[in-house]
Amino acid sequence: MRCRGNLVALACCTLNAFCVLTARDGVAFPLVVRPGDTLAGIAQRVYGRVENERVLATANGLERTGGSSIVPGMRLEVPALAYRRTMRGDTWTELATLLLGGPERAAALAFANDSKPWLRPTDNAEILVPYNLRFVAEDGDTLPAVAKRYFGSEKRTWMIAQYNAIKDVALAPGQVLLLPITELSLTEVGREAARAAWEGWSSVGADRREQQAAAAEALPALLANARAGRYVEAVAQGVALLAGSDLTTPQRASVQRQLLEAYAALGARGRAADACNEWRRAAPQARLDRRELSPKLLAACAASP
């Protein structure tokens, strides 16, 4: 099924883990202007970033009409991020083609997710998909000026050029660019506005991404406790992470590896065997190397199914 239109695209992307966004598909929700509203106020309310006033203006074609004035009752489209769960074998080039409309956008997608285009995405990670903001150039516009205006630095000129497969920094009036905007995380007020606009909207993708980020911060403490022999604390931390977080596959493997260590040290052989089984399932490349694993750990793994 192809997602067409803002609300339908939003439905597809939140209900279908394998949805496809193209450069023509935007994830946005409608918001009706209230008395006293300004674009800056709306940006602060839904994003927590007054700077996104410009994004709202551009997304709704207000700048080209001679200003960004809004009136009560006006219906605005509020851009938002989409999310997608990665699968084993995904590449940034393939994901960029599917989600953003072209392989030349792989670098922007990878950098938006704290990775590099030549690396493979983390398996089972919740990645964010930038919003393709449609920008129409006016007389005198240049790529460096656009980079400064929307990304805060002229250093992003190369990214816009690559993203749109162009070389000239000068822009012709009426020339259309797509700008991959990532600073669109919604506040709780923004999420409620999205839910009110579309009853089935869910923030599950954003929630998963936040859980994985929190797990990345918690894992060093788990590792430190296991290495220091604080096995009870390590078990408590590991169990909590597995129960309360939607982890990436490498994160799950790391937690199970530390639980194997802790359970084996505490004499919980059955649980240690289960942890070893889950560790090797999440990390099939892991080897039971006698130089890295103690006899107690090897015995626990030998007892696993």
C-alpha atoms as a PDB file:
ATOM      1  CA  MET A   1       0.000   0.000   0.000  1.00  0.00           C
ATOM      2  CA  ARG A   2       1.332   3.421  -0.904  1.00  0.00           C
ATOM      3  CA  CYS A   3       0.872   6.306   1.510  1.00  0.00           C
ATOM      4  CA  ARG A   4      -0.640   9.375  -0.149  1.00  0.00           C
ATOM      5  CA  GLY A   5      -1.501  12.675   1.499  1.00  0.00           C
ATOM      6  CA  ASN A   6      -0.420  13.997   4.851  1.00  0.00           C
ATOM      7  CA  LEU A   7      -2.948  12.296   7.115  1.00  0.00           C
ATOM      8  CA  VAL A   8      -2.925   9.002   5.228  1.00  0.00           C
ATOM      9  CA  ALA A   9       0.882   9.014   5.247  1.00  0.00           C
ATOM     10  CA  LEU A  10       0.809   9.618   8.972  1.00  0.00           C
ATOM     11  CA  ALA A  11      -1.561   6.695   9.448  1.00  0.00           C
ATOM     12  CA  CYS A  12       0.571   4.400   7.332  1.00  0.00           C
ATOM     13  CA  CYS A  13       3.768   5.346   9.088  1.00  0.00           C
ATOM     14  CA  THR A  14       2.454   4.877  12.598  1.00  0.00           C
ATOM     15  CA  LEU A  15       0.548   1.649  11.982  1.00  0.00           C
ATOM     16  CA  ASN A  16       2.845  -0.040   9.458  1.00  0.00           C
ATOM     17  CA  ALA A  17       6.470  -0.647  10.427  1.00  0.00           C
ATOM     18  CA  PHE A  18       7.390  -1.041   6.771  1.00  0.00           C
ATOM     19  CA  CYS A  19       5.792   2.106   5.407  1.00  0.00           C
ATOM     20  CA  VAL A  20       7.421   3.965   2.563  1.00  0.00           C
ATOM     21  CA  LEU A  21       7.767   7.713   2.368  1.00  0.00           C
ATOM     22  CA  THR A  22       8.885   9.354  -0.850  1.00  0.00           C
ATOM     23  CA  ALA A  23       9.986  12.902  -1.475  1.00  0.00           C
ATOM     24  CA  ARG A  24       6.363  13.767  -2.214  1.00  0.00           C
ATOM     25  CA  ASP A  25       5.025  12.347   1.023  1.00  0.00           C
ATOM     26  CA  GLY A  26       5.030  14.564   4.079  1.00  0.00           C
ATOM     27  CA  VAL A  27       4.185  13.630   7.641  1.00  0.00           C
ATOM     28  CA  ALA A  28       2.222  16.531   9.044  1.00  0.00           C
ATOM     29  CA  PHE A  29      -0.916  17.141  11.028  1.00  0.00           C
ATOM     30  CA  PRO A  30      -3.436  19.987  10.757  1.00  0.00           C
ATOM     31  CA  LEU A  31      -3.765  22.631  13.423  1.00  0.00           C
ATOM     32  CA  VAL A  32      -6.391  25.387  13.507  1.00  0.00           C
ATOM     33  CA  VAL A  33      -5.126  28.827  14.520  1.00  0.00           C
ATOM     34  CA  ARG A  34      -6.676  30.157  17.740  1.00  0.00           C
ATOM     35  CA  PRO A  35      -7.235  33.797  18.702  1.00  0.00           C
ATOM     36  CA  GLY A  36      -3.974  35.316  19.865  1.00  0.00           C
ATOM     37  CA  ASP A  37      -1.816  32.716  18.120  1.00  0.00           C
ATOM     38  CA  THR A  38       1.368  33.648  16.308  1.00  0.00           C
ATOM     39  CA  LEU A  39       3.624  31.359  14.293  1.00  0.00           C
ATOM     40  CA  ALA A  40       6.360  31.845  16.861  1.00  0.00           C
ATOM     41  CA  GLY A  41       3.956  30.957  19.668  1.00  0.00           C
ATOM     42  CA  ILE A  42       2.732  27.853  17.842  1.00  0.00           C
ATOM     43  CA  ALA A  43       6.323  26.784  17.166  1.00  0.00           C
ATOM     44  CA  GLN A  44       7.172  27.137  20.838  1.00  0.00           C
ATOM     45  CA  ARG A  45       4.001  25.305  21.864  1.00  0.00           C
ATOM     46  CA  VAL A  46       4.264  22.262  19.590  1.00  0.00           C
ATOM     47  CA  TYR A  47       8.046  21.956  19.187  1.00  0.00           C
ATOM     48  CA  GLY A  48       9.488  23.801  22.159  1.00  0.00           C
ATOM     49  CA  ARG A  49      11.572  25.708  19.596  1.00  0.00           C
ATOM     50  CA  VAL A  50      10.562  29.211  18.548  1.00  0.00           C
ATOM     51  CA  GLU A  51      13.101  28.908  15.713  1.00  0.00           C
ATOM     52  CA  ASN A  52      10.718  26.538  13.938  1.00  0.00           C
ATOM     53  CA  GLU A  53       8.504  29.515  13.102  1.00  0.00           C
ATOM     54  CA  ARG A  54      10.332  29.590   9.758  1.00  0.00           C
ATOM     55  CA  VAL A  55       9.598  25.908   9.127  1.00  0.00           C
ATOM     56  CA  LEU A  56       5.889  26.487   9.764  1.00  0.00           C
ATOM     57  CA  ALA A  57       5.871  29.511   7.478  1.00  0.00           C
ATOM     58  CA  THR A  58       7.612  27.664   4.643  1.00  0.00           C
ATOM     59  CA  ALA A  59       5.515  24.512   5.002  1.00  0.00           C
ATOM     60  CA  ASN A  60       2.355  26.591   4.665  1.00  0.00           C
ATOM     61  CA  GLY A  61       3.569  28.866   1.860  1.00  0.00           C
ATOM     62  CA  LEU A  62       3.267  31.984   3.988  1.00  0.00           C
ATOM     63  CA  GLU A  63       6.630  33.515   3.176  1.00  0.00           C
ATOM     64  CA  ARG A  64       5.890  33.672  -0.539  1.00  0.00           C
ATOM     65  CA  THR A  65       2.624  35.454   0.086  1.00  0.00           C
ATOM     66  CA  GLY A  66       4.446  38.428   1.545  1.00  0.00           C
ATOM     67  CA  GLY A  67       4.679  37.569   5.207  1.00  0.00           C
ATOM     68  CA  SER A  68       3.864  35.094   7.930  1.00  0.00           C
ATOM     69  CA  SER A  69       0.632  36.593   9.264  1.00  0.00           C
ATOM     70  CA  ILE A  70      -1.992  34.148  10.429  1.00  0.00           C
ATOM     71  CA  VAL A  71      -5.585  34.645  11.492  1.00  0.00           C
ATOM     72  CA  PRO A  72      -7.923  32.679  13.781  1.00  0.00           C
ATOM     73  CA  GLY A  73      -9.574  29.788  11.978  1.00  0.00           C
ATOM     74  CA  MET A  74      -6.721  29.332   9.497  1.00  0.00           C
ATOM     75  CA  ARG A  75      -5.724  25.696   9.043  1.00  0.00           C
ATOM     76  CA  LEU A  76      -1.985  25.115   9.237  1.00  0.00           C
ATOM     77  CA  GLU A  77      -0.033  21.998   8.367  1.00  0.00           C
ATOM     78  CA  VAL A  78       2.435  21.212  11.145  1.00  0.00           C
ATOM     79  CA  PRO A  79       5.460  19.185   9.947  1.00  0.00           C
ATOM     80  CA  ALA A  80       6.540  16.261  12.093  1.00  0.00           C
ATOM     81  CA  LEU A  81       9.133  13.518  11.994  1.00  0.00           C
ATOM     82  CA  ALA A  82       8.438   9.968  10.891  1.00  0.00           C
ATOM     83  CA  TYR A  83      10.121   6.898  12.371  1.00  0.00           C
ATOM     84  CA  ARG A  84      11.041   3.493  11.027  1.00  0.00           C
ATOM     85  CA  ARG A  85      12.389   0.314  12.602  1.00  0.00           C
ATOM     86  CA  THR A  86      15.495  -0.984  10.846  1.00  0.00           C
ATOM     87  CA  MET A  87      15.878  -4.594   9.805  1.00  0.00           C
ATOM     88  CA  ARG A  88      18.921  -6.800   9.390  1.00  0.00           C
ATOM     89  CA  GLY A  89      20.572  -6.081   6.054  1.00  0.00           C
ATOM     90  CA  ASP A  90      19.306  -2.515   5.694  1.00  0.00           C
ATOM     91  CA  THR A  91      21.702   0.067   4.267  1.00  0.00           C
ATOM     92  CA  TRP A  92      21.472   3.834   4.465  1.00  0.00           C
ATOM     93  CA  THR A  93      21.390   4.025   0.668  1.00  0.00           C
ATOM     94  CA  GLU A  94      18.408   1.683   0.448  1.00  0.00           C
ATOM     95  CA  LEU A  95      16.611   3.404   3.308  1.00  0.00           C
ATOM     96  CA  ALA A  96      17.187   6.847   1.806  1.00  0.00           C
ATOM     97  CA  THR A  97      15.791   5.675  -1.520  1.00  0.00           C
ATOM     98  CA  LEU A  98      12.691   4.253   0.171  1.00  0.00           C
ATOM     99  CA  LEU A  99      12.094   6.913   2.784  1.00  0.00           C
ATOM    100  CA  LEU A 100      13.417  10.126   1.261  1.00  0.00           C
ATOM    101  CA  GLY A 101      13.211   9.607  -2.482  1.00  0.00           C
ATOM    102  CA  GLY A 102      16.791   8.975  -3.604  1.00  0.00           C
ATOM    103  CA  PRO A 103      20.113   7.264  -2.824  1.00  0.00           C
ATOM    104  CA  GLU A 104      21.915  10.633  -2.826  1.00  0.00           C
ATOM    105  CA  ARG A 105      20.114  11.371   0.460  1.00  0.00           C
ATOM    106  CA  ALA A 106      21.826   8.538   2.355  1.00  0.00           C
ATOM    107  CA  ALA A 107      24.337  10.851   4.034  1.00  0.00           C
ATOM    108  CA  ALA A 108      21.642  13.160   5.406  1.00  0.00           C
ATOM    109  CA  LEU A 109      19.652  10.204   6.759  1.00  0.00           C
ATOM    110  CA  ALA A 110      22.694   8.579   8.350  1.00  0.00           C
ATOM    111  CA  PHE A 111      23.959  11.800   9.943  1.00  0.00           C
ATOM    112  CA  ALA A 112      20.457  12.539  11.274  1.00  0.00           C
ATOM    113  CA  ASN A 113      20.699   9.243  13.148  1.00  0.00           C
ATOM    114  CA  ASP A 114      24.236   9.744  14.517  1.00  0.00           C
ATOM    115  CA  SER A 115      25.746   7.311  12.028  1.00  0.00           C
ATOM    116  CA  LYS A 116      27.812   7.425   8.830  1.00  0.00           C
ATOM    117  CA  PRO A 117      26.551   6.562   5.322  1.00  0.00           C
ATOM    118  CA  TRP A 118      29.241   3.878   4.854  1.00  0.00           C
ATOM    119  CA  LEU A 119      28.197   2.047   8.042  1.00  0.00           C
ATOM    120  CA  ARG A 120      25.237  -0.279   8.295  1.00  0.00           C
ATOM    121  CA  PRO A 121      22.324   0.930  10.433  1.00  0.00           C
ATOM    122  CA  THR A 122      22.032  -0.681  13.847  1.00  0.00           C
ATOM    123  CA  ASP A 123      19.726  -3.684  13.640  1.00  0.00           C
ATOM    124  CA  ASN A 124      16.276  -3.173  15.166  1.00  0.00           C
ATOM    125  CA  ALA A 125      16.924   0.528  15.822  1.00  0.00           C
ATOM    126  CA  GLU A 126      14.182   3.142  15.661  1.00  0.00           C
ATOM    127  CA  ILE A 127      15.514   5.740  13.235  1.00  0.00           C
ATOM    128  CA  LEU A 128      14.028   9.144  12.593  1.00  0.00           C
ATOM    129  CA  VAL A 129      13.092  10.158   9.063  1.00  0.00           C
ATOM    130  CA  PRO A 130      13.649  13.871   8.335  1.00  0.00           C
ATOM    131  CA  TYR A 131      10.750  15.949   7.107  1.00  0.00           C
ATOM    132  CA  ASN A 132      11.194  16.952   3.467  1.00  0.00           C
ATOM    133  CA  LEU A 133      10.436  20.665   3.650  1.00  0.00           C
ATOM    134  CA  ARG A 134       9.567  22.072   0.231  1.00  0.00           C
ATOM    135  CA  PHE A 135      11.398  25.340  -0.310  1.00  0.00           C
ATOM    136  CA  VAL A 136      10.774  27.577  -3.340  1.00  0.00           C
ATOM    137  CA  ALA A 137      13.636  29.950  -4.122  1.00  0.00           C
ATOM    138  CA  GLU A 138      13.087  33.657  -4.609  1.00  0.00           C
ATOM    139  CA  ASP A 139      15.247  36.202  -6.382  1.00  0.00           C
ATOM    140  CA  GLY A 140      18.670  36.438  -4.726  1.00  0.00           C
ATOM    141  CA  ASP A 141      18.477  33.163  -2.801  1.00  0.00           C
ATOM    142  CA  THR A 142      21.648  31.048  -2.612  1.00  0.00           C
ATOM    143  CA  LEU A 143      22.408  27.648  -1.127  1.00  0.00           C
ATOM    144  CA  PRO A 144      24.637  29.082   1.644  1.00  0.00           C
ATOM    145  CA  ALA A 145      21.885  31.508   2.618  1.00  0.00           C
ATOM    146  CA  VAL A 146      19.327  28.691   2.719  1.00  0.00           C
ATOM    147  CA  ALA A 147      21.700  26.552   4.800  1.00  0.00           C
ATOM    148  CA  LYS A 148      22.178  29.407   7.257  1.00  0.00           C
ATOM    149  CA  ARG A 149      18.453  30.140   7.434  1.00  0.00           C
ATOM    150  CA  TYR A 150      17.205  26.589   8.025  1.00  0.00           C
ATOM    151  CA  PHE A 151      20.186  24.764   9.541  1.00  0.00           C
ATOM    152  CA  GLY A 152      21.999  27.553  11.327  1.00  0.00           C
ATOM    153  CA  SER A 153      25.262  27.256   9.399  1.00  0.00           C
ATOM    154  CA  GLU A 154      26.533  27.753   5.865  1.00  0.00           C
ATOM    155  CA  LYS A 155      28.580  24.594   6.394  1.00  0.00           C
ATOM    156  CA  ARG A 156      25.445  22.626   5.576  1.00  0.00           C
ATOM    157  CA  THR A 157      25.498  23.934   1.996  1.00  0.00           C
ATOM    158  CA  TRP A 158      27.130  20.740   0.746  1.00  0.00           C
ATOM    159  CA  MET A 159      24.385  18.643   2.323  1.00  0.00           C
ATOM    160  CA  ILE A 160      21.590  20.599   0.621  1.00  0.00           C
ATOM    161  CA  ALA A 161      23.419  20.424  -2.697  1.00  0.00           C
ATOM    162  CA  GLN A 162      23.950  16.677  -2.402  1.00  0.00           C
ATOM    163  CA  TYR A 163      20.423  16.108  -1.172  1.00  0.00           C
ATOM    164  CA  ASN A 164      18.984  17.842  -4.241  1.00  0.00           C
ATOM    165  CA  ALA A 165      21.650  16.664  -6.714  1.00  0.00           C
ATOM    166  CA  ILE A 166      22.666  20.197  -7.721  1.00  0.00           C
ATOM    167  CA  LYS A 167      26.030  21.977  -7.962  1.00  0.00           C
ATOM    168  CA  ASP A 168      25.335  25.696  -8.371  1.00  0.00           C
ATOM    169  CA  VAL A 169      25.129  27.712  -5.168  1.00  0.00           C
ATOM    170  CA  ALA A 170      23.007  30.342  -6.903  1.00  0.00           C
ATOM    171  CA  LEU A 171      19.311  29.503  -7.134  1.00  0.00           C
ATOM    172  CA  ALA A 172      16.911  30.521  -9.864  1.00  0.00           C
ATOM    173  CA  PRO A 173      13.618  32.142  -8.789  1.00  0.00           C
ATOM    174  CA  GLY A 174      11.010  29.402  -8.530  1.00  0.00           C
ATOM    175  CA  GLN A 175      13.581  26.627  -8.143  1.00  0.00           C
ATOM    176  CA  VAL A 176      12.333  23.985  -5.710  1.00  0.00           C
ATOM    177  CA  LEU A 177      14.525  22.378  -3.068  1.00  0.00           C
ATOM    178  CA  LEU A 178      13.776  19.729  -0.492  1.00  0.00           C
ATOM    179  CA  LEU A 179      15.308  20.407   2.916  1.00  0.00           C
ATOM    180  CA  PRO A 180      15.694  17.491   5.367  1.00  0.00           C
ATOM    181  CA  ILE A 181      14.502  19.038   8.626  1.00  0.00           C
ATOM    182  CA  THR A 182      15.192  17.027  11.787  1.00  0.00           C
ATOM    183  CA  GLU A 183      14.585  19.445  14.685  1.00  0.00           C
ATOM    184  CA  LEU A 184      10.872  18.654  14.817  1.00  0.00           C
ATOM    185  CA  SER A 185      10.452  16.605  17.961  1.00  0.00           C
ATOM    186  CA  LEU A 186       7.043  17.361  19.445  1.00  0.00           C
ATOM    187  CA  THR A 187       6.374  18.535  22.964  1.00  0.00           C
ATOM    188  CA  GLU A 188       3.631  16.783  24.899  1.00  0.00           C
ATOM    189  CA  VAL A 189       1.330  19.616  23.825  1.00  0.00           C
ATOM    190  CA  GLY A 190       2.371  18.973  20.245  1.00  0.00           C
ATOM    191  CA  ARG A 191       1.672  15.272  20.594  1.00  0.00           C
ATOM    192  CA  GLU A 192      -1.760  15.990  22.005  1.00  0.00           C
ATOM    193  CA  ALA A 193      -2.435  18.316  19.064  1.00  0.00           C
ATOM    194  CA  ALA A 194      -1.452  15.520  16.680  1.00  0.00           C
ATOM    195  CA  ARG A 195      -3.729  13.058  18.478  1.00  0.00           C
ATOM    196  CA  ALA A 196      -6.594  15.541  18.409  1.00  0.00           C
ATOM    197  CA  ALA A 197      -6.095  16.127  14.673  1.00  0.00           C
ATOM    198  CA  TRP A 198      -5.943  12.452  13.829  1.00  0.00           C
ATOM    199  CA  GLU A 199      -7.463  10.020  16.307  1.00  0.00           C
ATOM    200  CA  GLY A 200      -5.165   7.118  15.475  1.00  0.00           C
ATOM    201  CA  TRP A 201      -1.907   9.051  15.671  1.00  0.00           C
ATOM    202  CA  SER A 202       0.655   7.461  17.935  1.00  0.00           C
ATOM    203  CA  SER A 203       4.051   8.606  19.155  1.00  0.00           C
ATOM    204  CA  VAL A 204       5.283   5.023  19.432  1.00  0.00           C
ATOM    205  CA  GLY A 205       8.226   5.611  17.083  1.00  0.00           C
ATOM    206  CA  ALA A 206       9.447   8.609  19.044  1.00  0.00           C
ATOM    207  CA  ASP A 207       8.928   6.718  22.313  1.00  0.00           C
ATOM    208  CA  ARG A 208      10.991   3.761  21.072  1.00  0.00           C
ATOM    209  CA  ARG A 209      13.785   6.056  19.944  1.00  0.00           C
ATOM    210  CA  GLU A 210      13.820   7.759  23.345  1.00  0.00           C
ATOM    211  CA  GLN A 211      13.926   4.372  25.093  1.00  0.00           C
ATOM    212  CA  GLN A 212      16.884   3.263  22.985  1.00  0.00           C
ATOM    213  CA  ALA A 213      18.723   6.511  23.692  1.00  0.00           C
ATOM    214  CA  ALA A 214      18.091   6.076  27.432  1.00  0.00           C
ATOM    215  CA  ALA A 215      19.299   2.468  27.250  1.00  0.00           C
ATOM    216  CA  ALA A 216      22.523   3.607  25.568  1.00  0.00           C
ATOM    217  CA  GLU A 217      23.159   5.867  28.572  1.00  0.00           C
ATOM    218  CA  ALA A 218      22.325   3.116  31.074  1.00  0.00           C
ATOM    219  CA  LEU A 219      24.436   0.328  29.574  1.00  0.00           C
ATOM    220  CA  PRO A 220      27.828   1.609  30.830  1.00  0.00           C
ATOM    221  CA  ALA A 221      26.570   1.451  34.421  1.00  0.00           C
ATOM    222  CA  LEU A 222      25.371  -2.124  33.887  1.00  0.00           C
ATOM    223  CA  LEU A 223      28.759  -3.094  32.461  1.00  0.00           C
ATOM    224  CA  ALA A 224      30.576  -1.376  35.339  1.00  0.00           C
ATOM    225  CA  ASN A 225      28.521  -3.234  37.957  1.00  0.00           C
ATOM    226  CA  ALA A 226      29.149  -6.591  36.308  1.00  0.00           C
ATOM    227  CA  ARG A 227      32.894  -5.944  36.058  1.00  0.00           C
ATOM    228  CA  ALA A 228      33.059  -4.757  39.654  1.00  0.00           C
ATOM    229  CA  GLY A 229      31.301  -7.861  40.932  1.00  0.00           C
ATOM    230  CA  ARG A 230      28.109  -6.062  41.902  1.00  0.00           C
ATOM    231  CA  TYR A 231      26.054  -8.856  40.415  1.00  0.00           C
ATOM    232  CA  VAL A 232      22.773  -8.260  42.224  1.00  0.00           C
ATOM    233  CA  GLU A 233      22.743  -4.663  41.020  1.00  0.00           C
ATOM    234  CA  ALA A 234      23.667  -5.806  37.513  1.00  0.00           C
ATOM    235  CA  VAL A 235      20.783  -8.263  37.420  1.00  0.00           C
ATOM    236  CA  ALA A 236      18.339  -5.616  38.598  1.00  0.00           C
ATOM    237  CA  GLN A 237      19.548  -3.171  35.959  1.00  0.00           C
ATOM    238  CA  GLY A 238      19.546  -5.734  33.163  1.00  0.00           C
ATOM    239  CA  VAL A 239      16.071  -7.048  33.926  1.00  0.00           C
ATOM    240  CA  ALA A 240      14.729  -3.488  34.122  1.00  0.00           C
ATOM    241  CA  LEU A 241      16.242  -2.606  30.753  1.00  0.00           C
ATOM    242  CA  LEU A 242      14.785  -5.679  29.082  1.00  0.00           C
ATOM    243  CA  ALA A 243      11.354  -5.135  30.601  1.00  0.00           C
ATOM    244  CA  GLY A 244      11.035  -1.392  30.180  1.00  0.00           C
ATOM    245  CA  SER A 245      12.795  -0.614  26.919  1.00  0.00           C
ATOM    246  CA  ASP A 246      12.392  -1.463  23.249  1.00  0.00           C
ATOM    247  CA  LEU A 247      16.086  -2.149  22.693  1.00  0.00           C
ATOM    248  CA  THR A 248      18.105  -2.398  19.515  1.00  0.00           C
ATOM    249  CA  THR A 249      19.486  -5.858  18.772  1.00  0.00           C
ATOM    250  CA  PRO A 250      23.068  -4.933  19.843  1.00  0.00           C
ATOM    251  CA  GLN A 251      21.715  -3.394  23.060  1.00  0.00           C
ATOM    252  CA  ARG A 252      19.735  -6.546  23.817  1.00  0.00           C
ATOM    253  CA  ALA A 253      22.829  -8.670  23.158  1.00  0.00           C
ATOM    254  CA  SER A 254      24.910  -6.499  25.498  1.00  0.00           C
ATOM    255  CA  VAL A 255      22.355  -6.751  28.314  1.00  0.00           C
ATOM    256  CA  GLN A 256      22.055 -10.539  27.986  1.00  0.00           C
ATOM    257  CA  ARG A 257      25.852 -10.912  27.965  1.00  0.00           C
ATOM    258  CA  GLN A 258      26.100  -9.058  31.288  1.00  0.00           C
ATOM    259  CA  LEU A 259      23.190 -11.063  32.710  1.00  0.00           C
ATOM    260  CA  LEU A 260      25.024 -14.251  31.747  1.00  0.00           C
ATOM    261  CA  GLU A 261      28.004 -13.036  33.774  1.00  0.00           C
ATOM    262  CA  ALA A 262      25.890 -11.994  36.755  1.00  0.00           C
ATOM    263  CA  TYR A 263      23.639 -15.054  36.895  1.00  0.00           C
ATOM    264  CA  ALA A 264      26.589 -17.426  36.574  1.00  0.00           C
ATOM    265  CA  ALA A 265      28.406 -15.660  39.409  1.00  0.00           C
ATOM    266  CA  LEU A 266      25.295 -15.860  41.598  1.00  0.00           C
ATOM    267  CA  GLY A 267      24.867 -19.586  40.919  1.00  0.00           C
ATOM    268  CA  ALA A 268      21.605 -19.172  39.018  1.00  0.00           C
ATOM    269  CA  ARG A 269      22.502 -21.765  36.390  1.00  0.00           C
ATOM    270  CA  GLY A 270      19.152 -21.940  34.659  1.00  0.00           C
ATOM    271  CA  ARG A 271      18.911 -18.194  34.267  1.00  0.00           C
ATOM    272  CA  ALA A 272      22.526 -18.034  33.123  1.00  0.00           C
ATOM    273  CA  ALA A 273      21.794 -20.633  30.441  1.00  0.00           C
ATOM    274  CA  ASP A 274      18.757 -18.666  29.294  1.00  0.00           C
ATOM    275  CA  ALA A 275      20.795 -15.457  29.183  1.00  0.00           C
ATOM    276  CA  CYS A 276      23.474 -17.159  27.083  1.00  0.00           C
ATOM    277  CA  ASN A 277      20.852 -18.442  24.672  1.00  0.00           C
ATOM    278  CA  GLU A 278      19.314 -14.975  24.300  1.00  0.00           C
ATOM    279  CA  TRP A 279      22.762 -13.377  23.950  1.00  0.00           C
ATOM    280  CA  ARG A 280      23.749 -15.711  21.113  1.00  0.00           C
ATOM    281  CA  ARG A 281      20.363 -15.273  19.458  1.00  0.00           C
ATOM    282  CA  ALA A 282      20.833 -11.502  19.407  1.00  0.00           C
ATOM    283  CA  ALA A 283      24.513 -11.784  18.449  1.00  0.00           C
ATOM    284  CA  PRO A 284      24.852 -14.913  16.282  1.00  0.00           C
ATOM    285  CA  GLN A 285      28.431 -13.909  15.466  1.00  0.00           C
ATOM    286  CA  ALA A 286      29.414 -14.258  19.136  1.00  0.00           C
ATOM    287  CA  ARG A 287      31.918 -17.036  19.786  1.00  0.00           C
ATOM    288  CA  LEU A 288      32.296 -19.189  22.869  1.00  0.00           C
ATOM    289  CA  ASP A 289      36.008 -18.494  23.117  1.00  0.00           C
ATOM    290  CA  ARG A 290      37.842 -20.067  26.070  1.00  0.00           C
ATOM    291  CA  ARG A 291      40.194 -17.089  26.069  1.00  0.00           C
ATOM    292  CA  GLU A 292      37.312 -14.681  26.696  1.00  0.00           C
ATOM    293  CA  LEU A 293      34.808 -16.721  28.725  1.00  0.00           C
ATOM    294  CA  SER A 294      35.440 -18.381  32.055  1.00  0.00           C
ATOM    295  CA  PRO A 295      34.740 -22.119  32.529  1.00  0.00           C
ATOM    296  CA  LYS A 296      31.638 -21.182  34.544  1.00  0.00           C
ATOM    297  CA  LEU A 297      30.264 -19.125  31.621  1.00  0.00           C
ATOM    298  CA  LEU A 298      31.118 -21.837  29.111  1.00  0.00           C
ATOM    299  CA  ALA A 299      29.327 -24.406  31.277  1.00  0.00           C
ATOM    300  CA  ALA A 300      26.231 -22.161  31.438  1.00  0.00           C
ATOM    301  CA  CYS A 301      26.255 -21.780  27.671  1.00  0.00           C
ATOM    302  CA  ALA A 302      26.716 -25.511  27.170  1.00  0.00           C
ATOM    303  CA  ALA A 303      23.536 -26.032  29.185  1.00  0.00           C
ATOM    304  CA  SER A 304      21.519 -23.578  27.067  1.00  0.00           C
ATOM    305  CA  PRO A 305      19.115 -24.976  24.450  1.00  0.00           C
END
